[in-house]
C-alpha cells in the first residue's frame, strides 16, 4: 500500500515544485529578445565569454599543450626523479633536469587509469542505489535513471577508445571534453539580473538592505572598477558561509563592477544550486576525492607514477595516494583543463572570485591557504607576461546562518553541504537585520607582474606561498570586529567558565576592543554588548538567570570568537 505523505513532505514537495516553476519562468523571461536587449544596454550585464567558443577553445588549448609536451625535448627543472624519466642531467645550480615529454607520457597514462577506475566506481555506486531502492520498494527517480544511463555511456565510450588503441591525443581530447563540461560556467547576465532582482524582493531582501561595504581608502572601489575593466583581476576572499558570494556580488554590483566568476565547490552541485550556479557565473571545482584509498590499492603501483616538474617524486606520490586517495586536483588532465580555463577567463578580463581557504572553517579560525588553484592564477602571469591584480576581500557576519551546522560538521556528525543555494540564502536572510548586518571589506589590490615571478619551479613555488600568506594577512586585517565576534572573543579570552555579569562583560569587552585597536566609545561598546547578548541568548548560547548570564554552549561561542583570533596572536 502506498505510504501517505505527511505535512513536512507536502511542504518540501510544494517548495521544490514552486522553485522549479519560478526557475523556468525566469529562464523563459530571460530568453525574450526584447528583455535581453533592454538588460544588456548596461555593460554590467554583457557576456564576456560565449559558452560554445570557450568550450572549443579550452579543448584546443589542453590538447595543444599536451601535443607540445609530447614533442618537447627541452629539459625542465624538477626537485626529484620519478618513474619514466630516462634522460637526466644536473644544471649549474645542481637541480635535476627532465624532458617534458616524459611527464606528458606518464601523466596521461596515470589519468587514463584513474579515469577508468573512477567511471567504474561511479557506475557501481549508482547500480547499488538503484538495487537498494528496488529492494525497499521505493520509486526510482528519473534523475537516477538518467545518471545510470549517462554513467554507462561514459564508461562504454572510454573502453571503446581503449580497445581501439586510440592515439594519445584522442584520449587527451576525450578527457578534456569530459572535464570541461563539468568546469565551465554557462553565465547568462540577463538571467542573473532577473534572478537578483527577484531574490532582492523575496528571500534576500534583508540581506541586501543590511549589507555594509567598506574599503581600505577613499575611492578604492573606483580603482578596483578601473582595474577589473583593464586588467586580469582576482578577488581573494575568506569563506564563512555557502552564501558568501551573494553579499560579495551585491557589494560589487553596487559599485558597477562586473560579476566575477566564482570558483564554487562541486559539493554544492545538487538540487536547485546545480541549475542556478552556472547561470550566475559560478564555475565548478571538484576538491573532493576522485578515487578513495581502498580503490587506489587495487591499481598497479607503476601506472600512477608521474613526475610533475617542481613537485614530489613518483614514489613519494604513490605513498600519499595510498594513504589519502586521489583528489581531483591530483588528476593531471583535470588540473590542466581547470588551469587552461582560468587562463582563458583572465585573458578576457573576466574577474574571478576565489575562496583561498578552499572550504568553510568549521572551527571559526582562518584556514591555511589552498595553493593549487592560486598557483595556476600566478602561472598566467608567467605564461602571458601580463600582470594580474589580486584583491583581498573580507566578509564578516554578526550572525552566521550555518553556525550550528558548522559545529556539527566539526564533530564529524553531518555534511555541511546538504542545503541548496536558495535554502542557504533564505536562512541567512532570516538572521540578517539592522542590528545584525553583514560586512564586506575590500583591501588594496596587489599587482603581480612577470618580473615578480621566477621561471625556476622551486623558487616559483616559494613565491606562490609568500603571496598566499600576504593575501591571508590582508584578508585577516579586513575582517570586521562584529559585536558577536567581540563578545565571544571576550568570553573565551577571559575564560568565563560557567557564567558572567553584565558589568564584567562590559569592562572586558572594552579592553578587548582596545587590544584589537578598535576605536569604540563607551556607548558603542554598550550597544554592541547588548546586541551580542540578545543574539546569543536567542540562539541558546547563553541564558540570563538571577542577574547572571549562564554559558550554555561554549563550543559555538568559541566558533564566533575564533573569527578574530588571528588579530590577537600578532
Protein backbone atom coordinates (compact mmCIF):
# COMPACT_ATOMS: atom_id res chain seq x y z
CA UNK A 1 0.00 0.00 0.00
CA UNK A 2 1.32 3.41 -0.95
CA UNK A 3 2.53 5.46 2.01
CA UNK A 4 0.69 8.76 2.56
CA UNK A 5 2.73 11.96 2.54
CA UNK A 6 2.94 13.81 5.84
CA UNK A 7 2.73 17.62 6.17
CA UNK A 8 6.52 18.04 6.13
CA UNK A 9 6.82 16.07 2.87
CA UNK A 10 3.97 18.05 1.31
CA UNK A 11 5.67 21.37 2.22
CA UNK A 12 9.00 20.13 0.85
CA UNK A 13 7.37 18.97 -2.39
CA UNK A 14 5.43 22.26 -2.76
CA UNK A 15 8.62 24.30 -2.23
CA UNK A 16 10.57 22.22 -4.74
CA UNK A 17 7.76 22.48 -7.32
CA UNK A 18 7.43 26.22 -6.72
CA UNK A 19 11.16 26.79 -7.13
CA UNK A 20 11.25 24.77 -10.35
CA UNK A 21 8.30 26.74 -11.76
CA UNK A 22 9.93 30.03 -10.73
CA UNK A 23 13.22 28.96 -12.31
CA UNK A 24 11.53 28.00 -15.59
CA UNK A 25 9.60 31.30 -15.69
CA UNK A 26 12.83 33.30 -15.14
CA UNK A 27 14.61 31.19 -17.75
CA UNK A 28 11.84 31.84 -20.29
CA UNK A 29 11.65 35.54 -19.42
CA UNK A 30 15.42 35.96 -19.81
CA UNK A 31 15.23 34.38 -23.29
CA UNK A 32 12.81 37.02 -24.64
CA UNK A 33 14.74 39.17 -27.13
CA UNK A 34 13.28 42.49 -26.02
CA UNK A 35 14.14 41.72 -22.38
CA UNK A 36 17.68 40.72 -23.31
CA UNK A 37 18.18 43.89 -25.36
CA UNK A 38 16.87 46.10 -22.54
CA UNK A 39 19.03 44.47 -19.83
CA UNK A 40 22.20 44.31 -21.94
CA UNK A 41 22.18 48.06 -22.59
CA UNK A 42 24.08 48.19 -19.28
CA UNK A 43 27.68 46.97 -19.81
CA UNK A 44 27.48 45.32 -16.39
CA UNK A 45 25.18 42.68 -17.91
CA UNK A 46 27.01 41.91 -21.16
CA UNK A 47 28.56 38.49 -21.60
CA UNK A 48 32.37 38.40 -21.81
CA UNK A 49 32.77 34.75 -22.84
CA UNK A 50 30.49 32.71 -25.10
CA UNK A 51 30.00 29.17 -23.75
CA UNK A 52 30.44 27.31 -27.07
CA UNK A 53 33.53 29.31 -28.05
CA UNK A 54 35.04 28.86 -24.57
CA UNK A 55 34.38 25.11 -24.65
CA UNK A 56 36.06 24.69 -28.04
CA UNK A 57 38.99 26.93 -27.15
CA UNK A 58 39.53 25.10 -23.86
CA UNK A 59 39.72 21.69 -25.57
CA UNK A 60 42.09 23.10 -28.20
CA UNK A 61 44.40 24.51 -25.53
CA UNK A 62 44.57 21.34 -23.43
CA UNK A 63 45.21 19.17 -26.50
CA UNK A 64 47.70 21.73 -27.85
CA UNK A 65 49.59 21.82 -24.55
CA UNK A 66 49.90 18.04 -24.49
CA UNK A 67 50.94 17.89 -28.14
CA UNK A 68 53.70 20.42 -27.40
CA UNK A 69 54.85 18.45 -24.37
CA UNK A 70 54.88 15.13 -26.25
CA UNK A 71 57.14 16.65 -28.90
CA UNK A 72 59.36 18.57 -26.49
CA UNK A 73 62.96 17.57 -25.87
CA UNK A 74 63.53 20.68 -23.76
CA UNK A 75 64.65 19.77 -20.24
CA UNK A 76 62.93 21.46 -17.28
CA UNK A 77 63.83 21.60 -13.61
CA UNK A 78 62.40 19.23 -11.05
CA UNK A 79 63.28 18.50 -7.44
CA UNK A 80 63.45 14.72 -7.68
CA UNK A 81 63.18 11.75 -10.01
CA UNK A 82 60.21 9.52 -10.77
CA UNK A 83 59.28 6.55 -12.94
CA UNK A 84 59.65 7.02 -16.69
CA UNK A 85 62.45 9.57 -16.67
CA UNK A 86 65.16 8.28 -18.98
CA UNK A 87 67.26 11.38 -19.56
CA UNK A 88 68.62 13.40 -16.66
CA UNK A 89 71.34 15.90 -16.04
CA UNK A 90 72.36 18.43 -13.44
CA UNK A 91 72.37 22.07 -14.36
CA UNK A 92 74.83 24.58 -12.99
CA UNK A 93 72.67 25.13 -9.90
CA UNK A 94 72.56 21.42 -9.04
CA UNK A 95 68.91 20.84 -9.97
CA UNK A 96 67.82 17.63 -11.68
CA UNK A 97 66.52 18.17 -15.22
CA UNK A 98 63.87 16.11 -17.02
CA UNK A 99 62.42 16.18 -20.52
CA UNK A 100 58.86 17.48 -20.54
CA UNK A 101 57.68 14.68 -22.86
CA UNK A 102 58.30 12.12 -20.10
CA UNK A 103 55.98 14.00 -17.75
CA UNK A 104 53.34 14.20 -20.51
CA UNK A 105 53.54 10.44 -21.22
CA UNK A 106 53.43 9.41 -17.56
CA UNK A 107 50.67 11.85 -16.60
CA UNK A 108 48.43 10.75 -19.49
CA UNK A 109 48.92 7.07 -18.58
CA UNK A 110 48.03 7.82 -14.95
CA UNK A 111 44.95 9.88 -15.91
CA UNK A 112 43.64 7.06 -18.13
CA UNK A 113 43.97 4.57 -15.26
CA UNK A 114 42.34 6.97 -12.76
CA UNK A 115 39.52 7.94 -15.11
CA UNK A 116 38.53 4.36 -15.92
CA UNK A 117 38.62 3.35 -12.23
CA UNK A 118 36.51 6.42 -11.37
CA UNK A 119 33.89 5.64 -14.03
CA UNK A 120 33.63 2.01 -12.89
CA UNK A 121 33.27 3.08 -9.26
CA UNK A 122 30.62 5.67 -10.16
CA UNK A 123 28.61 3.13 -12.20
CA UNK A 124 28.80 0.61 -9.34
CA UNK A 125 27.56 3.19 -6.81
CA UNK A 126 24.57 4.14 -8.97
CA UNK A 127 23.71 0.45 -9.52
CA UNK A 128 23.84 -0.12 -5.75
CA UNK A 129 21.49 2.85 -5.16
CA UNK A 130 19.00 1.52 -7.70
CA UNK A 131 19.17 -2.03 -6.26
CA UNK A 132 18.59 -0.67 -2.74
CA UNK A 133 15.54 1.32 -3.86
CA UNK A 134 14.11 -1.73 -5.63
CA UNK A 135 14.67 -3.86 -2.52
CA UNK A 136 13.00 -1.25 -0.26
CA UNK A 137 10.06 -0.89 -2.66
CA UNK A 138 10.86 2.78 -3.27
CA UNK A 139 10.36 4.69 -6.52
CA UNK A 140 13.41 5.06 -8.77
CA UNK A 141 13.60 8.73 -9.74
CA UNK A 142 14.07 9.86 -13.31
CA UNK A 143 17.28 11.70 -12.38
CA UNK A 144 18.77 8.46 -11.02
CA UNK A 145 17.82 6.56 -14.18
CA UNK A 146 19.37 9.30 -16.34
CA UNK A 147 22.52 9.27 -14.17
CA UNK A 148 22.81 5.48 -14.66
CA UNK A 149 22.42 5.79 -18.46
CA UNK A 150 24.95 8.62 -18.65
CA UNK A 151 27.43 6.73 -16.46
CA UNK A 152 27.16 3.58 -18.60
CA UNK A 153 27.58 5.60 -21.80
CA UNK A 154 30.70 7.37 -20.49
CA UNK A 155 32.27 4.09 -19.39
CA UNK A 156 31.42 2.35 -22.71
CA UNK A 157 32.88 5.25 -24.72
CA UNK A 158 36.11 5.22 -22.75
CA UNK A 159 36.51 1.44 -23.04
CA UNK A 160 35.88 1.68 -26.79
CA UNK A 161 38.74 4.18 -27.11
CA UNK A 162 40.93 1.88 -25.06
CA UNK A 163 40.08 -1.29 -27.01
CA UNK A 164 40.56 0.53 -30.33
CA UNK A 165 44.02 1.62 -29.12
CA UNK A 166 43.21 5.23 -29.95
CA UNK A 167 46.09 7.71 -30.37
CA UNK A 168 47.23 9.56 -27.25
CA UNK A 169 45.74 12.88 -28.40
CA UNK A 170 42.31 11.26 -28.84
CA UNK A 171 42.44 10.29 -25.17
CA UNK A 172 43.54 13.78 -24.16
CA UNK A 173 40.70 15.29 -26.22
CA UNK A 174 38.14 12.88 -24.73
CA UNK A 175 39.27 13.51 -21.14
CA UNK A 176 39.46 17.30 -21.61
CA UNK A 177 35.95 17.24 -23.11
CA UNK A 178 34.61 15.24 -20.14
CA UNK A 179 36.20 17.56 -17.57
CA UNK A 180 35.37 20.81 -19.41
CA UNK A 181 31.63 20.03 -19.31
CA UNK A 182 31.96 19.85 -15.54
CA UNK A 183 34.01 23.03 -15.13
CA UNK A 184 32.81 25.78 -17.48
CA UNK A 185 30.26 28.34 -16.26
CA UNK A 186 27.26 28.89 -18.55
CA UNK A 187 26.83 32.51 -17.48
CA UNK A 188 23.70 34.33 -18.55
CA UNK A 189 23.88 38.01 -17.44
CA UNK A 190 20.22 38.62 -18.26
CA UNK A 191 19.09 35.65 -16.18
CA UNK A 192 21.38 36.84 -13.36
CA UNK A 193 19.80 40.32 -13.44
CA UNK A 194 16.28 38.87 -13.29
CA UNK A 195 17.20 36.34 -10.58
CA UNK A 196 18.97 39.01 -8.49
CA UNK A 197 16.01 41.41 -8.63
CA UNK A 198 13.58 38.60 -7.80
CA UNK A 199 15.80 37.48 -4.89
CA UNK A 200 16.03 41.04 -3.51
CA UNK A 201 12.24 41.24 -3.43
CA UNK A 202 11.81 37.84 -1.78
CA UNK A 203 14.38 35.68 0.02
CA UNK A 204 17.35 38.09 0.34
CA UNK A 205 15.64 41.44 0.91
CA UNK A 206 17.04 41.83 4.47
CA UNK A 207 20.49 40.69 3.39
CA UNK A 208 20.75 43.39 0.73
CA UNK A 209 19.41 46.20 2.91
CA UNK A 210 21.72 45.41 5.83
CA UNK A 211 24.93 44.98 3.87
CA UNK A 212 27.77 47.32 4.89
CA UNK A 213 30.56 47.78 2.35
CA UNK A 214 33.92 49.28 3.33
CA UNK A 215 37.24 49.89 1.59
CA UNK A 216 40.86 50.43 2.64
CA UNK A 217 40.91 54.03 1.43
CA UNK A 218 38.73 56.63 -0.24
CA UNK A 219 37.81 55.84 -3.87
CA UNK A 220 39.30 52.33 -3.58
CA UNK A 221 36.21 50.86 -5.27
CA UNK A 222 36.67 53.20 -8.24
CA UNK A 223 40.24 51.96 -8.57
CA UNK A 224 39.09 48.33 -8.38
CA UNK A 225 36.43 49.01 -11.04
CA UNK A 226 39.08 50.50 -13.35
CA UNK A 227 41.43 47.55 -12.79
CA UNK A 228 38.74 44.92 -13.46
CA UNK A 229 37.91 46.62 -16.77
CA UNK A 230 41.51 46.84 -17.98
CA UNK A 231 43.47 44.01 -16.34
CA UNK A 232 43.19 40.43 -15.16
CA UNK A 233 41.71 40.61 -11.65
CA UNK A 234 41.03 38.02 -8.94
CA UNK A 235 39.07 38.75 -5.75
CA UNK A 236 40.62 36.61 -2.99
CA UNK A 237 38.21 36.11 -0.07
CA UNK A 238 37.82 34.24 3.19
CA UNK A 239 34.99 31.69 3.33
CA UNK A 240 32.39 31.64 6.12
CA UNK A 241 29.11 30.55 4.51
CA UNK A 242 27.86 28.86 1.34
CA UNK A 243 26.02 32.13 0.73
CA UNK A 244 29.18 34.32 0.85
CA UNK A 245 29.04 35.04 -2.87
CA UNK A 246 25.67 36.84 -2.62
CA UNK A 247 26.83 39.69 -0.29
CA UNK A 248 30.09 39.99 -2.28
CA UNK A 249 28.19 40.15 -5.61
CA UNK A 250 25.76 42.75 -4.24
CA UNK A 251 28.67 44.82 -2.90
CA UNK A 252 30.47 44.75 -6.26
CA UNK A 253 27.34 45.42 -8.30
CA UNK A 254 26.59 48.47 -6.15
CA UNK A 255 29.81 49.99 -7.47
CA UNK A 256 29.20 48.96 -11.09
CA UNK A 257 31.80 46.17 -11.01
CA UNK A 258 31.24 43.25 -13.39
CA UNK A 259 30.04 39.95 -12.00
CA UNK A 260 33.06 37.79 -11.06
CA UNK A 261 33.19 34.11 -11.93
CA UNK A 262 33.05 32.30 -8.60
CA UNK A 263 35.12 29.16 -8.13
CA UNK A 264 32.49 27.06 -6.34
CA UNK A 265 32.98 23.66 -4.73
CA UNK A 266 31.49 20.76 -6.69
CA UNK A 267 29.94 19.59 -3.40
CA UNK A 268 27.26 22.25 -3.99
CA UNK A 269 26.27 20.81 -7.37
CA UNK A 270 22.94 19.37 -6.29
CA UNK A 271 19.31 20.41 -6.01
CA UNK A 272 18.39 23.92 -7.09
CA UNK A 273 22.03 25.05 -6.83
CA UNK A 274 23.06 22.93 -9.83
CA UNK A 275 20.65 24.90 -12.04
CA UNK A 276 21.34 28.38 -10.68
CA UNK A 277 25.10 28.44 -10.02
CA UNK A 278 26.40 28.08 -13.62
CA UNK A 279 23.97 30.74 -14.86
CA UNK A 280 25.13 33.29 -12.28
CA UNK A 281 28.75 32.77 -13.39
CA UNK A 282 29.88 30.08 -10.96
CA UNK A 283 32.39 27.53 -12.24
CA UNK A 284 32.71 24.19 -10.51
CA UNK A 285 35.91 22.99 -8.89
CA UNK A 286 35.94 19.42 -7.63
CA UNK A 287 38.04 19.49 -4.45
CA UNK A 288 36.84 16.04 -3.43
CA UNK A 289 38.29 12.57 -3.76
CA UNK A 290 38.26 11.07 -7.24
CA UNK A 291 39.38 7.65 -6.04
CA UNK A 292 39.41 6.59 -2.34
CA UNK A 293 42.47 4.83 -0.81
CA UNK A 294 40.87 1.36 -0.94
CA UNK A 295 40.38 1.74 -4.72
CA UNK A 296 43.93 3.02 -5.21
CA UNK A 297 45.21 -0.17 -3.55
CA UNK A 298 43.61 -2.23 -6.34
CA UNK A 299 45.63 -0.49 -9.05
CA UNK A 300 49.13 -1.37 -10.21
CA UNK A 301 51.51 0.99 -8.47
CA UNK A 302 53.66 1.79 -11.52
CA UNK A 303 50.65 3.06 -13.51
CA UNK A 304 50.20 6.01 -11.13
CA UNK A 305 53.74 7.34 -11.11
CA UNK A 306 54.20 10.67 -12.81
CA UNK A 307 56.68 13.40 -12.04
CA UNK A 308 55.44 16.98 -12.22
CA UNK A 309 58.27 19.50 -12.63
CA UNK A 310 58.91 21.15 -9.27
CA UNK A 311 56.79 18.60 -7.37
CA UNK A 312 57.42 15.45 -5.32
CA UNK A 313 58.83 12.26 -6.79
CA UNK A 314 56.73 9.38 -8.12
CA UNK A 315 57.44 7.09 -5.16
CA UNK A 316 56.53 9.83 -2.66
CA UNK A 317 53.33 10.49 -4.61
CA UNK A 318 52.36 6.79 -4.55
CA UNK A 319 52.67 6.66 -0.75
CA UNK A 320 50.48 9.75 -0.46
CA UNK A 321 47.83 8.38 -2.83
CA UNK A 322 47.61 5.08 -0.93
CA UNK A 323 47.08 6.97 2.32
CA UNK A 324 44.65 9.70 1.27
CA UNK A 325 43.29 8.59 -2.10
CA UNK A 326 43.43 10.54 -5.35
CA UNK A 327 41.92 14.02 -5.24
CA UNK A 328 40.54 15.56 -8.42
CA UNK A 329 43.25 18.22 -8.32
CA UNK A 330 45.81 15.34 -8.35
CA UNK A 331 44.41 14.30 -11.73
CA UNK A 332 46.90 15.81 -14.23
CA UNK A 333 44.49 16.42 -17.13
CA UNK A 334 41.69 17.66 -14.87
CA UNK A 335 44.18 20.12 -13.37
CA UNK A 336 45.43 21.13 -16.84
CA UNK A 337 41.84 21.71 -18.02
CA UNK A 338 40.96 23.80 -14.98
CA UNK A 339 44.16 25.84 -15.32
CA UNK A 340 43.57 26.48 -19.04
CA UNK A 341 40.04 27.72 -18.24
CA UNK A 342 41.42 30.07 -15.57
CA UNK A 343 43.87 31.50 -18.11
CA UNK A 344 41.11 31.98 -20.73
CA UNK A 345 38.99 33.89 -18.22
CA UNK A 346 41.88 36.13 -17.14
CA UNK A 347 42.89 36.82 -20.76
CA UNK A 348 39.36 38.05 -21.50
CA UNK A 349 39.27 40.23 -18.37
CA UNK A 350 36.66 38.07 -16.65
CA UNK A 351 37.12 38.82 -12.93
CA UNK A 352 37.33 35.73 -10.69
CA UNK A 353 36.22 35.25 -7.08
CA UNK A 354 38.35 32.68 -5.28
CA UNK A 355 37.93 31.48 -1.68
CA UNK A 356 41.57 30.92 -0.82
CA UNK A 357 40.76 28.78 2.25
CA UNK A 358 39.19 26.20 -0.06
CA UNK A 359 36.23 25.43 2.19
CA UNK A 360 34.44 26.89 5.17
CA UNK A 361 36.17 26.81 8.52
CA UNK A 362 34.24 24.60 10.95
CA UNK A 363 36.28 25.90 13.91
CA UNK A 364 36.00 29.60 13.08
CA UNK A 365 39.73 30.22 12.60
CA UNK A 366 41.15 31.30 9.25
CA UNK A 367 42.31 28.17 7.42
CA UNK A 368 45.65 27.75 5.68
CA UNK A 369 45.52 28.90 2.04
CA UNK A 370 44.93 26.37 -0.72
CA UNK A 371 47.87 26.76 -3.07
CA UNK A 372 46.97 24.65 -6.15
CA UNK A 373 44.44 26.97 -7.85
CA UNK A 374 46.20 30.08 -6.56
CA UNK A 375 49.38 28.83 -8.25
CA UNK A 376 47.54 28.45 -11.57
CA UNK A 377 46.47 32.11 -11.38
CA UNK A 378 50.05 33.26 -10.91
CA UNK A 379 51.20 30.89 -13.65
CA UNK A 380 49.05 33.01 -16.02
CA UNK A 381 51.50 35.87 -15.43
CA UNK A 382 54.48 33.69 -16.36
CA UNK A 383 52.76 32.28 -19.45
CA UNK A 384 51.44 35.58 -20.89
CA UNK A 385 53.81 38.19 -19.48
CA UNK A 386 50.76 40.22 -18.36
CA UNK A 387 50.14 41.28 -14.76
CA UNK A 388 47.33 40.03 -12.55
CA UNK A 389 45.80 42.02 -9.71
CA UNK A 390 44.75 40.27 -6.50
CA UNK A 391 42.04 41.99 -4.46
CA UNK A 392 41.87 40.92 -0.78
CA UNK A 393 38.22 40.64 0.21
CA UNK A 394 36.97 40.01 3.76
CA UNK A 395 33.41 39.01 4.68
CA UNK A 396 32.16 39.13 8.29
CA UNK A 397 28.81 38.26 9.85
CA UNK A 398 27.07 39.36 13.01
CA UNK A 399 25.07 36.12 12.85
CA UNK A 400 26.37 33.13 10.90
CA UNK A 401 23.38 31.28 9.48
CA UNK A 402 25.26 27.96 9.42
CA UNK A 403 26.96 28.21 12.84
CA UNK A 404 25.26 25.12 14.30
CA UNK A 405 25.77 23.10 11.10
CA UNK A 406 29.47 24.05 11.12
CA UNK A 407 29.83 22.88 14.73
CA UNK A 408 28.06 19.61 13.88
CA UNK A 409 30.47 19.14 10.98
CA UNK A 410 33.45 19.91 13.23
CA UNK A 411 32.38 16.97 15.38
CA UNK A 412 32.16 14.84 12.22
CA UNK A 413 28.45 14.15 12.60
CA UNK A 414 26.99 15.65 9.42
CA UNK A 415 27.87 17.03 5.97
CA UNK A 416 27.66 20.84 5.90
CA UNK A 417 26.93 20.97 2.15
CA UNK A 418 23.46 19.44 2.16
CA UNK A 419 21.39 22.60 1.62
CA UNK A 420 20.95 24.19 -1.80
CA UNK A 421 21.52 27.83 -2.79
CA UNK A 422 18.01 29.12 -2.09
CA UNK A 423 17.74 27.45 1.35
CA UNK A 424 21.18 28.81 2.35
CA UNK A 425 20.28 32.35 1.25
CA UNK A 426 16.87 32.14 2.94
CA UNK A 427 18.47 31.12 6.26
CA UNK A 428 20.98 33.95 6.01
CA UNK A 429 18.22 36.43 5.13
CA UNK A 430 16.20 35.45 8.23
CA UNK A 431 19.05 36.21 10.65
CA UNK A 432 20.21 39.45 8.97
CA UNK A 433 18.76 42.73 10.22
CA UNK A 434 19.63 46.31 11.27
CA UNK A 435 21.32 45.00 14.45
CA UNK A 436 22.97 42.05 12.67
CA UNK A 437 24.47 43.36 9.43
CA UNK A 438 26.90 41.65 7.05
CA UNK A 439 30.21 43.39 6.35
CA UNK A 440 32.23 43.16 3.13
CA UNK A 441 35.62 44.87 3.09
CA UNK A 442 37.80 45.41 0.02
CA UNK A 443 41.54 45.84 0.54
CA UNK A 444 44.15 47.46 -1.68
CA UNK A 445 44.81 45.28 -4.75
CA UNK A 446 48.25 43.72 -5.10
CA UNK A 447 49.87 43.78 -8.55
CA UNK A 448 51.92 40.76 -9.60
CA UNK A 449 53.86 41.16 -12.83
CA UNK A 450 56.22 38.89 -14.78
CA UNK A 451 59.26 40.47 -13.09
CA UNK A 452 57.88 39.38 -9.70
CA UNK A 453 57.91 35.66 -10.52
CA UNK A 454 60.70 33.20 -11.25
CA UNK A 455 60.79 30.67 -14.07
CA UNK A 456 62.53 28.23 -11.72
CA UNK A 457 59.93 25.79 -10.28
CA UNK A 458 61.31 25.67 -6.74
CA UNK A 459 61.65 29.44 -6.42
CA UNK A 460 58.24 29.97 -8.05
CA UNK A 461 56.63 27.59 -5.53
CA UNK A 462 58.19 29.61 -2.70
CA UNK A 463 56.90 32.87 -4.21
CA UNK A 464 53.38 31.42 -4.53
CA UNK A 465 53.40 30.59 -0.81
CA UNK A 466 54.67 34.06 0.06
CA UNK A 467 51.95 35.81 -1.96
CA UNK A 468 49.29 33.50 -0.48
CA UNK A 469 50.49 34.41 3.04
CA UNK A 470 50.39 38.10 2.09
CA UNK A 471 46.79 37.73 0.91
CA UNK A 472 45.77 35.90 4.10
CA UNK A 473 47.24 38.75 6.19
CA UNK A 474 45.36 41.37 4.16
CA UNK A 475 42.10 39.39 4.42
CA UNK A 476 42.58 38.87 8.17
CA UNK A 477 43.10 42.60 8.70
CA UNK A 478 39.87 43.32 6.81
CA UNK A 479 37.66 41.06 8.94
CA UNK A 480 35.29 43.24 10.98
CA UNK A 481 35.19 43.00 14.77
CA UNK A 482 31.43 42.45 14.82
CA UNK A 483 29.50 42.64 18.11
CA UNK A 484 29.17 38.85 18.33
CA UNK A 485 32.84 38.24 17.41
CA UNK A 486 33.93 40.72 20.10
CA UNK A 487 31.74 39.31 22.87
CA UNK A 488 32.66 35.71 22.01
CA UNK A 489 36.38 36.56 21.97
CA UNK A 490 35.94 38.32 25.33
CA UNK A 491 34.25 35.26 26.89
CA UNK A 492 36.94 32.89 25.54
CA UNK A 493 39.94 35.10 26.42
CA UNK A 494 38.77 35.79 29.98
CA UNK A 495 37.85 32.14 30.46
CA UNK A 496 34.37 32.67 31.83
CA UNK A 497 33.71 29.12 32.94
CA UNK A 498 30.01 28.96 33.84
CA UNK A 499 28.64 32.50 33.95
CA UNK A 500 29.47 36.20 33.88
CA UNK A 501 27.93 39.53 34.88
CA UNK A 502 26.94 42.33 32.56
CA UNK A 503 29.49 44.68 34.15
CA UNK A 504 32.33 42.16 33.79
CA UNK A 505 31.47 41.63 30.14
CA UNK A 506 31.31 45.39 29.51
CA UNK A 507 34.69 46.05 31.16
CA UNK A 508 36.43 43.12 29.46
CA UNK A 509 34.85 43.88 26.07
CA UNK A 510 36.18 47.47 26.28
CA UNK A 511 39.68 46.09 26.97
CA UNK A 512 39.26 43.60 24.10
CA UNK A 513 38.32 46.43 21.70
CA UNK A 514 41.44 48.38 22.71
CA UNK A 515 43.60 45.26 22.29
CA UNK A 516 42.26 44.97 18.74
CA UNK A 517 42.91 48.69 18.20
CA UNK A 518 39.20 49.27 17.64
CA UNK A 519 38.16 52.83 18.44
CA UNK A 520 34.89 52.38 20.32
CA UNK A 521 33.15 54.81 22.65
CA UNK A 522 31.52 53.61 25.86
CA UNK A 523 28.11 53.96 24.22
CA UNK A 524 29.23 51.88 21.21
CA UNK A 525 30.61 49.15 23.49
CA UNK A 526 27.37 49.05 25.44
CA UNK A 527 25.26 48.92 22.27
CA UNK A 528 27.41 46.17 20.76
CA UNK A 529 27.36 44.19 24.02
CA UNK A 530 23.56 44.39 24.30
CA UNK A 531 23.18 43.35 20.65
CA UNK A 532 25.51 40.37 21.04
CA UNK A 533 23.91 39.28 24.33
CA UNK A 534 20.45 39.37 22.76
CA UNK A 535 21.65 37.34 19.75
CA UNK A 536 23.47 34.72 21.85
CA UNK A 537 20.52 34.43 24.21
CA UNK A 538 18.09 33.96 21.33
CA UNK A 539 20.34 31.29 19.78
CA UNK A 540 20.61 29.44 23.09
CA UNK A 541 24.34 30.04 23.63
CA UNK A 542 23.70 31.85 26.95
CA UNK A 543 20.82 32.30 29.38
CA UNK A 544 20.06 35.16 31.75
CA UNK A 545 19.28 33.96 35.27
CA UNK A 546 19.36 35.81 38.62
CA UNK A 547 21.32 38.75 37.20
CA UNK A 548 23.97 36.46 35.66
CA UNK A 549 24.48 35.16 32.15
CA UNK A 550 24.94 31.39 32.19
CA UNK A 551 27.04 29.86 29.40
CA UNK A 552 25.13 27.02 27.72
CA UNK A 553 27.11 26.38 24.52
CA UNK A 554 30.80 27.25 24.76
CA UNK A 555 31.81 25.41 21.50
CA UNK A 556 29.61 27.72 19.41
CA UNK A 557 30.79 30.79 21.33
CA UNK A 558 34.36 29.72 20.59
CA UNK A 559 33.49 29.45 16.88
CA UNK A 560 32.46 33.13 16.84
CA UNK A 561 35.45 34.21 18.93
CA UNK A 562 37.94 32.44 16.67
CA UNK A 563 36.82 34.56 13.71
CA UNK A 564 39.09 37.34 15.04
CA UNK A 565 41.56 35.13 16.92
CA UNK A 566 44.30 35.86 14.35
CA UNK A 567 44.23 39.54 15.40
CA UNK A 568 45.06 38.59 18.99
CA UNK A 569 48.01 36.37 18.06
CA UNK A 570 50.04 39.02 16.25
